[in-house]
Amino acid sequence: MLAERLGLTIKIWKMTAEHTLELDDLRHLLSKKTKLLALSHVSNVLGCINPIKAATAIAHQFGAAVLIDGAQGIMHQAVDVQDIGCDFYAFSGHKLYSQQELVFFILQSSGSIRYLHGKVVVR
């Protein structure tokens, strides 16, 4: 497994009875050693919208960057990455009826939007 080869730790985040991510549990999972919090904006499988703005704020208190998988969220509601405060928001173009290979990767820190074909490259 890649995490094992790189010496990374993956932690399981508890959910509420409504199937959203439990924010109190997040505070116990993060530490100053945490580099990245990656989570889904919306789960079509569970039928929930995760508290990404609050989760982002908590992760930033620990110094972690936040990557939001917006593949489902971008279709269901307007997305304001500045309001959310996340460092990265990613989704595929076909969710917006674009070409299959078109990927949108929003980098909050630089404020730029990159349109990449095929694979995502961050410099």
N, C-alpha and C. Protein backbone atom coordinates (compact mmCIF):
# COMPACT_ATOMS: atom_id res chain seq x y z
N MET A 1 0.84 -1.17 0.00
CA MET A 1 0.00 0.00 0.00
C MET A 1 0.90 1.25 0.00
N LEU A 2 0.50 2.26 -0.74
CA LEU A 2 1.31 3.47 -0.88
C LEU A 2 1.58 4.15 0.46
N ALA A 3 0.56 4.26 1.31
CA ALA A 3 0.74 4.90 2.61
C ALA A 3 1.83 4.19 3.41
N GLU A 4 1.84 2.88 3.35
CA GLU A 4 2.84 2.10 4.07
C GLU A 4 4.24 2.37 3.52
N ARG A 5 4.37 2.38 2.20
CA ARG A 5 5.67 2.63 1.58
C ARG A 5 6.20 4.02 1.91
N LEU A 6 5.30 5.00 2.03
CA LEU A 6 5.72 6.38 2.31
C LEU A 6 5.76 6.71 3.79
N GLY A 7 5.35 5.77 4.63
CA GLY A 7 5.36 6.00 6.08
C GLY A 7 4.24 6.92 6.53
N LEU A 8 3.12 6.89 5.81
CA LEU A 8 1.98 7.74 6.14
C LEU A 8 0.98 7.00 7.02
N THR A 9 0.22 7.73 7.80
CA THR A 9 -0.83 7.16 8.62
C THR A 9 -2.18 7.62 8.10
N ILE A 10 -3.06 6.68 7.86
CA ILE A 10 -4.43 7.00 7.45
C ILE A 10 -5.33 6.69 8.64
N LYS A 11 -6.14 7.66 9.02
CA LYS A 11 -7.02 7.49 10.18
C LYS A 11 -8.47 7.47 9.72
N ILE A 12 -9.29 6.71 10.43
CA ILE A 12 -10.71 6.58 10.11
C ILE A 12 -11.49 7.60 10.92
N TRP A 13 -12.32 8.36 10.25
CA TRP A 13 -13.10 9.44 10.84
C TRP A 13 -14.52 8.95 11.08
N LYS A 14 -15.01 9.06 12.30
CA LYS A 14 -16.36 8.61 12.65
C LYS A 14 -17.43 9.49 12.00
N MET A 15 -18.61 8.90 11.83
CA MET A 15 -19.74 9.63 11.27
C MET A 15 -20.84 9.76 12.32
N THR A 16 -21.70 10.75 12.09
CA THR A 16 -22.86 10.95 12.96
C THR A 16 -23.97 9.99 12.53
N ALA A 17 -25.06 9.98 13.28
CA ALA A 17 -26.22 9.16 12.92
C ALA A 17 -26.82 9.59 11.59
N GLU A 18 -26.58 10.85 11.20
CA GLU A 18 -27.08 11.37 9.92
C GLU A 18 -26.10 11.10 8.78
N HIS A 19 -25.04 10.36 9.06
CA HIS A 19 -24.02 9.96 8.09
C HIS A 19 -23.14 11.11 7.60
N THR A 20 -23.00 12.17 8.39
CA THR A 20 -22.03 13.21 8.08
C THR A 20 -20.82 12.98 8.98
N LEU A 21 -19.73 13.61 8.64
CA LEU A 21 -18.50 13.43 9.42
C LEU A 21 -18.61 14.14 10.76
N GLU A 22 -18.19 13.45 11.82
CA GLU A 22 -18.29 13.94 13.19
C GLU A 22 -17.15 14.91 13.49
N LEU A 23 -17.49 16.18 13.67
CA LEU A 23 -16.47 17.21 13.87
C LEU A 23 -15.70 17.05 15.17
N ASP A 24 -16.35 16.62 16.24
CA ASP A 24 -15.63 16.41 17.51
C ASP A 24 -14.58 15.32 17.36
N ASP A 25 -14.88 14.29 16.58
CA ASP A 25 -13.92 13.22 16.34
C ASP A 25 -12.71 13.74 15.57
N LEU A 26 -12.94 14.68 14.66
CA LEU A 26 -11.84 15.24 13.87
C LEU A 26 -10.79 15.88 14.77
N ARG A 27 -11.22 16.59 15.78
CA ARG A 27 -10.27 17.25 16.70
C ARG A 27 -9.34 16.24 17.37
N HIS A 28 -9.82 15.02 17.59
CA HIS A 28 -9.00 13.99 18.23
C HIS A 28 -8.09 13.28 17.23
N LEU A 29 -8.42 13.36 15.95
CA LEU A 29 -7.62 12.68 14.93
C LEU A 29 -6.43 13.51 14.45
N LEU A 30 -6.56 14.82 14.51
CA LEU A 30 -5.52 15.71 13.98
C LEU A 30 -4.46 16.02 15.04
N SER A 31 -3.28 16.34 14.54
CA SER A 31 -2.20 16.81 15.41
C SER A 31 -1.35 17.78 14.59
N LYS A 32 -0.36 18.36 15.21
CA LYS A 32 0.54 19.27 14.50
C LYS A 32 1.36 18.52 13.44
N LYS A 33 1.38 17.19 13.50
CA LYS A 33 2.07 16.39 12.50
C LYS A 33 1.22 16.17 11.24
N THR A 34 -0.07 16.46 11.32
CA THR A 34 -0.97 16.25 10.19
C THR A 34 -0.63 17.24 9.07
N LYS A 35 -0.43 16.73 7.88
CA LYS A 35 -0.08 17.58 6.73
C LYS A 35 -1.27 17.86 5.84
N LEU A 36 -2.19 16.89 5.72
CA LEU A 36 -3.30 17.03 4.77
C LEU A 36 -4.55 16.35 5.30
N LEU A 37 -5.67 17.07 5.20
CA LEU A 37 -6.98 16.49 5.45
C LEU A 37 -7.68 16.44 4.11
N ALA A 38 -8.07 15.25 3.67
CA ALA A 38 -8.79 15.08 2.41
C ALA A 38 -10.17 14.51 2.72
N LEU A 39 -11.21 15.15 2.19
CA LEU A 39 -12.57 14.69 2.44
C LEU A 39 -13.48 15.04 1.29
N SER A 40 -14.59 14.33 1.22
CA SER A 40 -15.60 14.56 0.18
C SER A 40 -16.54 15.66 0.60
N HIS A 41 -16.94 16.48 -0.35
CA HIS A 41 -17.93 17.53 -0.10
C HIS A 41 -19.31 16.91 0.10
N VAL A 42 -19.70 16.05 -0.84
CA VAL A 42 -21.02 15.43 -0.83
C VAL A 42 -20.84 13.94 -1.09
N SER A 43 -21.63 13.12 -0.41
CA SER A 43 -21.65 11.68 -0.67
C SER A 43 -22.99 11.30 -1.26
N ASN A 44 -22.99 10.90 -2.51
CA ASN A 44 -24.23 10.40 -3.12
C ASN A 44 -24.62 9.06 -2.53
N VAL A 45 -23.64 8.29 -2.10
CA VAL A 45 -23.91 6.97 -1.52
C VAL A 45 -24.66 7.10 -0.20
N LEU A 46 -24.19 8.01 0.67
CA LEU A 46 -24.81 8.19 1.98
C LEU A 46 -25.89 9.25 1.99
N GLY A 47 -25.96 10.05 0.93
CA GLY A 47 -26.98 11.10 0.85
C GLY A 47 -26.72 12.23 1.83
N CYS A 48 -25.48 12.64 1.97
CA CYS A 48 -25.17 13.70 2.94
C CYS A 48 -24.24 14.75 2.35
N ILE A 49 -24.29 15.92 2.97
CA ILE A 49 -23.37 17.00 2.65
C ILE A 49 -22.49 17.18 3.88
N ASN A 50 -21.20 17.00 3.71
CA ASN A 50 -20.29 17.08 4.85
C ASN A 50 -20.02 18.53 5.26
N PRO A 51 -19.72 18.75 6.53
CA PRO A 51 -19.45 20.10 7.05
C PRO A 51 -18.04 20.57 6.69
N ILE A 52 -17.81 20.81 5.40
CA ILE A 52 -16.46 21.08 4.92
C ILE A 52 -15.88 22.40 5.42
N LYS A 53 -16.73 23.40 5.58
CA LYS A 53 -16.22 24.70 6.06
C LYS A 53 -15.70 24.57 7.49
N ALA A 54 -16.48 23.92 8.35
CA ALA A 54 -16.06 23.72 9.74
C ALA A 54 -14.85 22.79 9.82
N ALA A 55 -14.84 21.73 9.02
CA ALA A 55 -13.71 20.81 9.01
C ALA A 55 -12.44 21.51 8.55
N THR A 56 -12.57 22.38 7.55
CA THR A 56 -11.42 23.15 7.06
C THR A 56 -10.85 24.05 8.16
N ALA A 57 -11.74 24.72 8.87
CA ALA A 57 -11.29 25.60 9.96
C ALA A 57 -10.55 24.81 11.04
N ILE A 58 -11.07 23.65 11.40
CA ILE A 58 -10.42 22.81 12.41
C ILE A 58 -9.05 22.35 11.92
N ALA A 59 -8.97 21.87 10.68
CA ALA A 59 -7.71 21.39 10.14
C ALA A 59 -6.66 22.50 10.09
N HIS A 60 -7.09 23.70 9.73
CA HIS A 60 -6.15 24.82 9.67
C HIS A 60 -5.62 25.20 11.06
N GLN A 61 -6.41 24.95 12.11
CA GLN A 61 -5.92 25.19 13.47
C GLN A 61 -4.71 24.31 13.79
N PHE A 62 -4.64 23.16 13.14
CA PHE A 62 -3.53 22.23 13.34
C PHE A 62 -2.43 22.41 12.30
N GLY A 63 -2.62 23.37 11.39
CA GLY A 63 -1.62 23.63 10.36
C GLY A 63 -1.70 22.72 9.15
N ALA A 64 -2.78 21.97 9.01
CA ALA A 64 -2.93 21.04 7.90
C ALA A 64 -3.59 21.73 6.70
N ALA A 65 -3.17 21.33 5.51
CA ALA A 65 -3.83 21.78 4.29
C ALA A 65 -5.10 20.93 4.11
N VAL A 66 -6.06 21.45 3.34
CA VAL A 66 -7.33 20.75 3.15
C VAL A 66 -7.62 20.59 1.66
N LEU A 67 -7.87 19.34 1.26
CA LEU A 67 -8.26 19.00 -0.10
C LEU A 67 -9.70 18.50 -0.06
N ILE A 68 -10.57 19.17 -0.81
CA ILE A 68 -11.96 18.75 -0.89
C ILE A 68 -12.18 18.05 -2.23
N ASP A 69 -12.72 16.84 -2.18
CA ASP A 69 -13.15 16.12 -3.38
C ASP A 69 -14.54 16.64 -3.70
N GLY A 70 -14.62 17.50 -4.71
CA GLY A 70 -15.89 18.14 -5.06
C GLY A 70 -16.64 17.47 -6.19
N ALA A 71 -16.29 16.23 -6.52
CA ALA A 71 -16.91 15.55 -7.66
C ALA A 71 -18.43 15.53 -7.58
N GLN A 72 -18.97 15.32 -6.40
CA GLN A 72 -20.43 15.30 -6.25
C GLN A 72 -20.97 16.67 -5.85
N GLY A 73 -20.23 17.41 -5.06
CA GLY A 73 -20.69 18.70 -4.56
C GLY A 73 -20.89 19.75 -5.63
N ILE A 74 -20.04 19.73 -6.64
CA ILE A 74 -20.09 20.77 -7.67
C ILE A 74 -21.40 20.71 -8.45
N MET A 75 -22.03 19.55 -8.49
CA MET A 75 -23.28 19.39 -9.23
C MET A 75 -24.51 19.77 -8.42
N HIS A 76 -24.41 19.77 -7.11
CA HIS A 76 -25.59 19.91 -6.26
C HIS A 76 -25.77 21.29 -5.64
N GLN A 77 -24.74 22.12 -5.69
CA GLN A 77 -24.86 23.44 -5.07
C GLN A 77 -23.76 24.36 -5.57
N ALA A 78 -23.96 25.65 -5.37
CA ALA A 78 -22.92 26.62 -5.72
C ALA A 78 -21.75 26.42 -4.75
N VAL A 79 -20.54 26.54 -5.27
CA VAL A 79 -19.35 26.33 -4.45
C VAL A 79 -18.53 27.62 -4.43
N ASP A 80 -18.23 28.11 -3.22
CA ASP A 80 -17.40 29.30 -3.03
C ASP A 80 -16.18 28.88 -2.22
N VAL A 81 -15.06 28.61 -2.91
CA VAL A 81 -13.89 28.09 -2.21
C VAL A 81 -13.29 29.12 -1.25
N GLN A 82 -13.49 30.39 -1.52
CA GLN A 82 -13.00 31.41 -0.58
C GLN A 82 -13.79 31.36 0.72
N ASP A 83 -15.09 31.14 0.63
CA ASP A 83 -15.91 31.02 1.83
C ASP A 83 -15.58 29.74 2.60
N ILE A 84 -15.39 28.65 1.87
CA ILE A 84 -15.04 27.38 2.51
C ILE A 84 -13.67 27.49 3.17
N GLY A 85 -12.73 28.14 2.49
CA GLY A 85 -11.39 28.32 3.03
C GLY A 85 -10.44 27.17 2.73
N CYS A 86 -10.88 26.19 1.95
CA CYS A 86 -10.03 25.04 1.65
C CYS A 86 -8.85 25.45 0.78
N ASP A 87 -7.81 24.65 0.85
CA ASP A 87 -6.61 24.92 0.07
C ASP A 87 -6.73 24.40 -1.35
N PHE A 88 -7.45 23.29 -1.52
CA PHE A 88 -7.64 22.66 -2.82
C PHE A 88 -9.09 22.18 -2.93
N TYR A 89 -9.68 22.37 -4.10
CA TYR A 89 -11.02 21.85 -4.40
C TYR A 89 -10.92 21.25 -5.79
N ALA A 90 -11.17 19.95 -5.90
CA ALA A 90 -10.98 19.26 -7.17
C ALA A 90 -12.26 18.57 -7.62
N PHE A 91 -12.48 18.60 -8.94
CA PHE A 91 -13.61 17.87 -9.53
C PHE A 91 -13.33 17.66 -11.00
N SER A 92 -14.03 16.72 -11.58
CA SER A 92 -13.82 16.42 -13.00
C SER A 92 -14.82 17.16 -13.86
N GLY A 93 -14.39 17.52 -15.05
CA GLY A 93 -15.20 18.31 -15.96
C GLY A 93 -16.48 17.63 -16.40
N HIS A 94 -16.47 16.29 -16.49
CA HIS A 94 -17.68 15.62 -16.98
C HIS A 94 -18.86 15.80 -16.04
N LYS A 95 -18.60 16.18 -14.78
CA LYS A 95 -19.69 16.47 -13.85
C LYS A 95 -20.44 17.73 -14.26
N LEU A 96 -19.78 18.56 -15.08
CA LEU A 96 -20.41 19.79 -15.58
C LEU A 96 -20.65 19.69 -17.08
N TYR A 97 -20.79 18.44 -17.56
CA TYR A 97 -21.10 18.15 -18.97
C TYR A 97 -20.00 18.60 -19.91
N SER A 98 -18.76 18.50 -19.45
CA SER A 98 -17.59 18.84 -20.25
C SER A 98 -16.95 17.56 -20.77
N GLN A 99 -15.78 17.69 -21.36
CA GLN A 99 -15.04 16.54 -21.84
C GLN A 99 -14.68 15.61 -20.68
N GLN A 100 -14.63 14.32 -20.95
CA GLN A 100 -14.32 13.33 -19.93
C GLN A 100 -12.98 13.60 -19.25
N GLU A 101 -11.96 13.96 -20.02
CA GLU A 101 -10.62 14.07 -19.45
C GLU A 101 -10.31 15.42 -18.82
N LEU A 102 -11.24 16.35 -18.87
CA LEU A 102 -10.98 17.67 -18.33
C LEU A 102 -11.12 17.65 -16.81
N VAL A 103 -10.08 18.12 -16.12
CA VAL A 103 -10.05 18.15 -14.67
C VAL A 103 -9.91 19.59 -14.20
N PHE A 104 -10.69 19.96 -13.20
CA PHE A 104 -10.58 21.28 -12.60
C PHE A 104 -9.92 21.12 -11.25
N PHE A 105 -8.91 21.91 -11.01
CA PHE A 105 -8.21 21.86 -9.74
C PHE A 105 -8.04 23.29 -9.27
N ILE A 106 -8.75 23.66 -8.25
CA ILE A 106 -8.71 25.03 -7.76
C ILE A 106 -7.70 25.11 -6.62
N LEU A 107 -6.71 25.95 -6.78
CA LEU A 107 -5.69 26.15 -5.76
C LEU A 107 -6.00 27.44 -5.03
N GLN A 108 -6.51 27.34 -3.85
CA GLN A 108 -6.94 28.51 -3.08
C GLN A 108 -5.78 29.43 -2.72
N SER A 109 -4.65 28.86 -2.36
CA SER A 109 -3.54 29.68 -1.89
C SER A 109 -3.03 30.63 -2.97
N SER A 110 -3.05 30.17 -4.21
CA SER A 110 -2.58 31.04 -5.29
C SER A 110 -3.74 31.76 -5.96
N GLY A 111 -4.95 31.31 -5.68
CA GLY A 111 -6.13 31.93 -6.28
C GLY A 111 -6.29 31.60 -7.75
N SER A 112 -5.52 30.64 -8.25
CA SER A 112 -5.61 30.32 -9.67
C SER A 112 -6.47 29.08 -9.91
N ILE A 113 -7.02 29.02 -11.08
CA ILE A 113 -7.78 27.85 -11.50
C ILE A 113 -7.01 27.24 -12.66
N ARG A 114 -6.69 25.96 -12.55
CA ARG A 114 -5.93 25.29 -13.60
C ARG A 114 -6.83 24.29 -14.31
N TYR A 115 -6.81 24.30 -15.60
CA TYR A 115 -7.55 23.35 -16.41
C TYR A 115 -6.54 22.37 -16.98
N LEU A 116 -6.60 21.15 -16.52
CA LEU A 116 -5.60 20.17 -16.92
C LEU A 116 -6.27 19.03 -17.66
N HIS A 117 -5.63 18.54 -18.70
CA HIS A 117 -6.14 17.39 -19.46
C HIS A 117 -5.38 16.15 -19.04
N GLY A 118 -6.11 15.13 -18.69
CA GLY A 118 -5.49 13.84 -18.40
C GLY A 118 -5.09 13.65 -16.96
N LYS A 119 -4.07 14.36 -16.51
CA LYS A 119 -3.62 14.16 -15.14
C LYS A 119 -3.37 15.51 -14.47
N VAL A 120 -3.43 15.51 -13.15
CA VAL A 120 -3.23 16.73 -12.37
C VAL A 120 -1.76 16.86 -12.02
N VAL A 121 -1.19 17.99 -12.31
CA VAL A 121 0.20 18.28 -11.96
C VAL A 121 0.20 19.57 -11.14
N VAL A 122 0.71 19.50 -9.91
CA VAL A 122 0.78 20.68 -9.05
C VAL A 122 2.23 21.05 -8.89
N ARG A 123 2.54 22.32 -9.15
CA ARG A 123 3.92 22.79 -9.01
C ARG A 123 4.02 23.82 -7.92
